[in-house]
N, C-alpha and C. Protein backbone atom coordinates (compact mmCIF):
# COMPACT_ATOMS: atom_id res chain seq x y z
N MET A 1 41.18 -27.31 50.64
CA MET A 1 39.70 -27.63 50.89
C MET A 1 39.25 -25.75 50.53
N VAL A 2 38.24 -25.14 50.43
CA VAL A 2 37.51 -24.08 50.65
C VAL A 2 36.54 -23.80 50.57
N ARG A 3 36.48 -23.26 51.70
CA ARG A 3 35.56 -22.88 53.04
C ARG A 3 34.33 -22.21 52.09
N ARG A 4 32.94 -22.63 53.12
CA ARG A 4 31.31 -22.26 52.34
C ARG A 4 31.48 -20.99 51.73
N ARG A 5 32.37 -20.24 52.24
CA ARG A 5 32.12 -18.22 51.97
C ARG A 5 32.84 -17.91 50.61
N PHE A 6 33.63 -18.91 50.27
CA PHE A 6 35.08 -18.73 49.44
C PHE A 6 34.40 -20.12 48.26
N ARG A 7 35.09 -19.43 46.81
CA ARG A 7 34.32 -19.82 45.72
C ARG A 7 36.43 -20.42 44.99
N ALA A 8 36.09 -21.18 43.83
CA ALA A 8 37.53 -21.73 43.87
C ALA A 8 36.34 -20.99 41.94
N ILE A 9 37.80 -20.61 41.35
CA ILE A 9 37.53 -20.37 40.05
C ILE A 9 38.88 -20.64 39.29
N LEU A 10 38.99 -21.83 38.56
CA LEU A 10 39.83 -22.45 37.34
C LEU A 10 39.89 -22.28 35.99
N ALA A 11 40.88 -21.96 36.17
CA ALA A 11 41.58 -21.68 34.23
C ALA A 11 42.07 -22.78 33.80
N ASP A 12 42.36 -22.69 32.36
CA ASP A 12 43.47 -24.02 32.13
C ASP A 12 44.55 -23.23 32.81
N ASP A 13 45.43 -22.38 33.36
CA ASP A 13 46.77 -22.10 33.95
C ASP A 13 46.92 -21.26 34.91
N GLY A 14 45.37 -21.51 35.60
CA GLY A 14 45.76 -21.53 37.83
C GLY A 14 43.96 -21.56 38.18
N VAL A 15 44.44 -21.37 39.59
CA VAL A 15 42.72 -20.98 40.07
C VAL A 15 43.24 -20.05 41.05
N VAL A 16 42.18 -19.55 41.63
CA VAL A 16 42.07 -18.38 42.30
C VAL A 16 40.63 -18.55 43.25
N VAL A 17 41.00 -18.46 44.71
CA VAL A 17 39.72 -18.71 45.07
C VAL A 17 38.98 -17.72 46.15
N VAL A 18 38.19 -17.31 46.14
CA VAL A 18 37.85 -15.50 46.48
C VAL A 18 36.43 -15.86 47.17
N PRO A 19 36.44 -14.14 47.97
CA PRO A 19 35.59 -14.65 48.47
C PRO A 19 34.09 -14.49 47.50
N ARG A 20 32.84 -15.74 47.42
CA ARG A 20 31.39 -15.66 46.99
C ARG A 20 31.53 -14.30 46.69
N ALA A 21 31.28 -13.20 47.44
CA ALA A 21 31.33 -11.68 47.39
C ALA A 21 31.83 -11.33 45.66
N ASP A 22 33.18 -12.05 45.90
CA ASP A 22 33.90 -11.43 45.05
C ASP A 22 33.66 -11.51 43.44
N VAL A 23 32.92 -12.87 43.38
CA VAL A 23 33.01 -14.07 42.51
C VAL A 23 32.35 -13.39 41.01
N ASP A 24 31.78 -12.42 41.04
CA ASP A 24 31.46 -11.56 39.52
C ASP A 24 32.29 -10.77 38.79
N ARG A 25 33.29 -10.65 39.91
CA ARG A 25 34.69 -9.15 39.98
C ARG A 25 35.89 -9.85 39.30
N ALA A 26 35.80 -10.97 40.10
CA ALA A 26 37.11 -12.32 39.56
C ALA A 26 36.97 -12.78 38.03
N LEU A 27 35.16 -12.37 38.13
CA LEU A 27 35.75 -13.73 36.81
C LEU A 27 36.03 -12.42 35.34
N ASP A 28 34.90 -11.05 35.59
CA ASP A 28 35.02 -10.24 34.60
C ASP A 28 36.45 -10.05 34.88
N ALA A 29 37.38 -10.26 36.17
CA ALA A 29 39.15 -9.63 35.23
C ALA A 29 39.46 -10.73 34.76
N ALA A 30 38.90 -12.39 35.24
CA ALA A 30 39.54 -12.78 34.18
C ALA A 30 38.85 -13.10 32.55
N GLN A 31 37.60 -12.75 32.34
CA GLN A 31 37.60 -12.12 30.80
C GLN A 31 38.47 -11.22 30.43
N ALA A 32 38.99 -10.18 31.29
CA ALA A 32 39.34 -9.15 30.84
C ALA A 32 40.88 -9.67 30.56
N ARG A 33 41.09 -10.01 31.28
CA ARG A 33 42.42 -11.06 30.67
C ARG A 33 42.79 -11.47 29.97
N ALA A 34 41.42 -12.53 29.49
CA ALA A 34 42.00 -13.58 28.67
C ALA A 34 41.99 -12.44 26.97
N ALA A 35 40.70 -11.98 26.85
CA ALA A 35 40.53 -10.55 25.63
C ALA A 35 42.13 -10.39 25.44
N LYS A 36 42.79 -9.72 26.93
CA LYS A 36 43.55 -9.01 26.31
C LYS A 36 44.98 -10.21 25.76
N GLU A 37 44.88 -11.03 26.39
CA GLU A 37 46.08 -12.17 25.87
C GLU A 37 46.07 -12.33 24.51
N GLU A 38 44.29 -12.52 24.43
CA GLU A 38 43.76 -12.92 22.71
C GLU A 38 44.54 -12.15 21.89
N ALA A 39 44.64 -10.41 22.21
CA ALA A 39 44.90 -9.18 21.38
C ALA A 39 46.28 -9.37 21.04
N THR A 40 47.05 -9.61 22.13
CA THR A 40 48.18 -9.33 22.66
C THR A 40 48.70 -10.44 21.27
N ARG A 41 48.64 -11.78 21.27
CA ARG A 41 48.31 -13.02 20.79
C ARG A 41 47.95 -12.24 18.78
N GLU A 42 47.28 -12.12 18.40
CA GLU A 42 46.75 -11.49 17.71
C GLU A 42 47.89 -10.87 17.11
N ALA A 43 48.25 -8.96 17.96
CA ALA A 43 48.77 -8.35 17.47
C ALA A 43 50.33 -8.77 16.83
N PHE A 44 50.54 -10.69 17.37
CA PHE A 44 51.83 -11.06 17.41
C PHE A 44 52.05 -12.02 16.22
N ARG A 45 50.87 -12.34 15.98
CA ARG A 45 50.62 -13.08 14.68
C ARG A 45 50.74 -11.76 13.27
N GLY A 46 50.12 -10.69 13.37
CA GLY A 46 49.89 -9.63 12.69
C GLY A 46 51.57 -9.11 12.27
N GLY A 47 52.41 -9.57 13.19
CA GLY A 47 54.11 -9.14 13.22
C GLY A 47 54.23 -8.28 13.97
N GLU A 48 53.23 -7.60 14.85
CA GLU A 48 53.85 -6.38 16.13
C GLU A 48 54.84 -7.08 16.89
N LEU A 49 56.08 -6.46 16.79
CA LEU A 49 56.79 -6.66 17.68
C LEU A 49 57.00 -6.56 19.08
N GLY A 50 57.16 -7.70 20.02
CA GLY A 50 56.75 -7.11 21.62
C GLY A 50 57.79 -5.96 21.96
N LEU A 51 58.58 -5.82 21.24
CA LEU A 51 59.62 -4.06 21.74
C LEU A 51 58.86 -3.01 21.35
N ASP A 52 57.90 -3.72 21.10
CA ASP A 52 57.41 -1.98 20.49
C ASP A 52 55.38 -2.39 21.69
N ARG A 53 54.91 -4.02 21.16
CA ARG A 53 53.97 -4.07 22.63
C ARG A 53 53.86 -3.39 23.25
N TYR A 54 55.53 -3.43 24.38
CA TYR A 54 55.55 -4.24 25.37
C TYR A 54 55.71 -1.91 26.13
N GLY A 55 55.63 -1.41 24.56
CA GLY A 55 56.51 -0.02 24.82
C GLY A 55 58.05 0.57 24.54
N LEU A 56 58.87 -1.01 25.20
CA LEU A 56 60.33 -0.78 25.31
C LEU A 56 61.15 0.10 23.75
N ARG A 57 60.71 -0.07 23.22
CA ARG A 57 61.88 0.35 21.86
C ARG A 57 62.16 2.20 23.01
N ASP A 58 61.73 3.27 23.49
CA ASP A 58 62.26 4.03 24.38
C ASP A 58 62.65 3.79 25.30
N LYS A 59 63.11 2.81 26.48
CA LYS A 59 63.45 2.30 26.82
C LYS A 59 64.94 1.46 26.45
N LEU A 60 64.67 0.74 25.63
CA LEU A 60 66.59 0.85 25.02
C LEU A 60 66.70 1.24 24.72
N SER A 61 66.75 2.45 23.85
CA SER A 61 67.03 4.23 23.84
C SER A 61 67.23 4.63 24.26
N GLU A 62 67.14 4.60 25.63
CA GLU A 62 67.75 5.19 27.37
C GLU A 62 68.55 4.77 27.53
N LEU A 63 68.57 3.35 27.03
CA LEU A 63 70.39 2.57 27.45
C LEU A 63 71.05 2.85 26.82
N GLY A 64 70.32 3.26 25.82
CA GLY A 64 71.54 3.15 24.55
C GLY A 64 72.00 2.49 23.87
N VAL A 65 71.30 1.39 23.94
CA VAL A 65 70.44 0.02 23.11
C VAL A 65 70.09 0.72 21.16
N ILE A 66 71.07 0.04 20.65
CA ILE A 66 70.25 0.49 19.17
C ILE A 66 69.49 -0.85 18.36
N TYR A 67 68.64 -0.36 18.55
CA TYR A 67 67.96 -1.71 17.57
C TYR A 67 67.84 -1.76 16.11
N VAL A 68 68.37 -2.73 15.81
CA VAL A 68 68.65 -3.26 14.02
C VAL A 68 68.14 -4.17 13.52
N THR A 69 67.00 -4.09 12.12
CA THR A 69 66.59 -4.75 12.04
C THR A 69 67.37 -6.19 11.63
N ALA A 70 66.85 -7.52 10.52
CA ALA A 70 67.21 -8.64 10.46
C ALA A 70 68.15 -7.56 9.65
N GLU A 71 67.32 -7.22 8.29
CA GLU A 71 67.69 -6.76 7.10
C GLU A 71 69.14 -5.68 7.52
N GLU A 72 68.27 -4.49 8.03
CA GLU A 72 69.42 -3.54 8.23
C GLU A 72 70.97 -3.98 8.37
N TYR A 73 71.24 -5.20 9.59
CA TYR A 73 71.98 -6.50 9.70
C TYR A 73 72.82 -6.98 8.60
N GLY A 74 71.90 -7.16 7.73
CA GLY A 74 72.17 -8.25 6.67
C GLY A 74 71.76 -9.34 6.39
N LEU A 75 71.15 -9.85 7.46
CA LEU A 75 70.90 -11.52 6.74
C LEU A 75 69.12 -10.91 6.11
């Protein structure tokens, strides 16, 4: 049950209940999240690796991990 001073905002992957005064801000945040997710999917479709998309290459290097492509590995 959602009380009158709150609103439920539903999406494909969840529900959030916010105070009525925050509905516009919540919708803006949801739209920004959806746009970011679509940009990420597009980057992956274009061949970008999560390793680069999320800035993990430097972190792996700090941990002593050496990234090797499939070609470099002989596959």
